[in-house]
Protein backbone atom coordinates (compact mmCIF):
# COMPACT_ATOMS: atom_id res chain seq x y z
CA MET A 1 -103.24 89.64 28.00
CA ARG A 2 -106.56 89.48 26.09
CA ARG A 3 -108.14 91.99 28.47
CA SER A 4 -105.30 94.44 27.96
CA LEU A 5 -105.58 94.09 24.17
CA VAL A 6 -109.31 94.69 24.35
CA LEU A 7 -108.69 97.73 26.58
CA LEU A 8 -106.22 99.13 24.06
CA ALA A 9 -108.66 98.53 21.21
CA ALA A 10 -111.44 100.15 23.20
CA LEU A 11 -109.35 103.20 23.94
CA ALA A 12 -108.20 103.48 20.33
CA THR A 13 -111.79 103.49 19.05
CA THR A 14 -112.93 106.26 21.39
CA ALA A 15 -114.23 109.38 19.63
CA ALA A 16 -112.11 112.54 19.68
CA GLY A 17 -114.51 114.15 22.14
CA ALA A 18 -114.72 113.43 25.82
CA PRO A 19 -113.53 109.88 26.51
CA GLU A 20 -115.96 107.36 27.90
CA ASN A 21 -115.35 105.40 31.00
CA PRO A 22 -112.62 102.87 30.01
CA ALA A 23 -114.30 100.12 31.99
CA ALA A 24 -117.53 100.64 30.06
CA LEU A 25 -115.62 100.45 26.78
CA VAL A 26 -113.95 97.24 27.84
CA ASP A 27 -117.24 95.74 28.92
CA ARG A 28 -118.87 96.68 25.60
CA HIS A 29 -116.03 95.19 23.54
CA LEU A 30 -115.91 92.06 25.68
CA ALA A 31 -119.64 91.65 25.25
CA ALA A 32 -119.23 91.88 21.47
CA TYR A 33 -116.36 89.38 21.62
CA ASN A 34 -118.46 86.98 23.71
CA ALA A 35 -121.38 87.31 21.32
CA HIS A 36 -119.15 86.28 18.41
CA ALA A 37 -117.77 83.37 20.41
CA ILE A 38 -121.30 82.21 21.18
CA ASP A 39 -122.23 82.50 17.48
CA ASP A 40 -119.21 80.37 16.53
CA PHE A 41 -120.07 77.78 19.18
CA MET A 42 -123.69 77.60 18.02
CA ALA A 43 -122.63 77.09 14.41
CA LEU A 44 -120.32 74.24 15.45
CA PHE A 45 -122.98 72.74 17.72
CA TRP A 46 -125.73 72.73 15.07
CA GLY A 47 -123.28 71.48 12.44
CA ALA A 48 -122.43 68.54 14.70
CA VAL A 49 -126.13 67.85 15.33
CA ILE A 50 -126.87 67.81 11.59
CA VAL A 51 -123.92 65.53 10.83
CA GLY A 52 -125.01 63.21 13.65
CA ILE A 53 -128.56 62.99 12.29
CA ILE A 54 -127.27 62.24 8.78
CA LEU A 55 -125.00 59.48 10.10
CA LEU A 56 -127.82 57.94 12.15
CA VAL A 57 -130.21 57.98 9.19
CA ARG A 58 -127.59 56.39 6.94
CA HIS A 59 -126.80 53.72 9.53
CA PHE A 60 -130.36 52.78 10.46
CA GLY A 61 -131.76 53.37 6.97
CA ARG A 62 -130.11 50.20 5.74
CA GLY A 63 -130.85 48.16 8.84
CA GLY A 64 -127.43 48.77 10.35
CA GLN A 65 -125.84 46.20 8.05
CA GLN A 66 -123.34 46.52 5.27
CA THR A 67 -124.26 45.03 1.93
CA PRO A 68 -122.57 41.63 1.87
CA SER A 69 -120.48 40.67 -1.11
CA PRO A 70 -121.89 37.77 -3.16
CA PRO A 71 -120.49 34.33 -2.41
CA PRO A 72 -117.91 33.03 -4.91
CA SER A 73 -120.46 30.66 -6.43
CA GLN A 74 -122.60 33.63 -7.52
CA LEU A 75 -119.76 35.55 -9.19
CA ALA A 76 -120.04 35.86 -12.94
CA SER A 77 -117.93 33.55 -15.07
CA PRO A 78 -115.61 35.01 -17.75
CA GLU A 79 -118.11 33.97 -20.43
CA GLN A 80 -120.92 35.79 -18.62
CA LEU A 81 -118.81 38.92 -18.23
CA LEU A 82 -117.96 38.93 -21.93
CA ALA A 83 -121.60 38.37 -22.86
CA GLU A 84 -122.66 41.30 -20.63
CA ARG A 85 -120.02 43.59 -22.14
CA PHE A 86 -121.12 42.58 -25.65
CA ALA A 87 -124.77 43.21 -24.75
CA ARG A 88 -123.94 46.68 -23.41
CA GLY A 89 -122.04 47.47 -26.60
CA GLU A 90 -118.66 47.86 -24.88
CA ILE A 91 -117.04 45.40 -27.31
CA ASP A 92 -117.93 44.52 -30.90
CA GLU A 93 -118.72 41.04 -32.25
CA GLU A 94 -115.23 40.39 -33.56
CA GLU A 95 -113.61 41.22 -30.20
CA TYR A 96 -116.29 39.18 -28.38
CA ARG A 97 -115.56 36.07 -30.49
CA ARG A 98 -111.79 36.53 -30.20
CA ARG A 99 -111.94 36.85 -26.41
CA MET A 100 -114.36 33.93 -26.06
CA THR A 101 -111.90 31.77 -27.97
CA VAL A 102 -109.12 32.81 -25.62
CA VAL A 103 -111.27 32.13 -22.55
CA ARG A 104 -112.41 28.70 -23.74
CA HIS A 105 -109.16 27.43 -25.24
CA GLY A 106 -106.50 29.48 -23.53
CA ALA A 107 -104.03 31.87 -25.09
CA SER A 108 -102.12 30.45 -28.02
CA THR A 109 -98.37 31.01 -27.85
């Protein structure tokens, strides 16, 4: 089917003058088609090589280990979290004191 479509395309693109050998036209168009297929394959191949190199560098760059999460004993307490937020300026002094009261004494109902 593809060969017949290429033959039709080759015949349609022939100049108005004396027609060329149809087999030569088909061969020329098939060669152009194959060249494009090779270009597409090479782009995919080199893309895969580059992605593979990036993945290897990322994997071996950190020693092949994921960063472990800190043990529960090293997690920040609510007081420490509030102090850090206050130090960064995320909350003002009034909100800091109000929240510290809630953390230390529980919510009043």
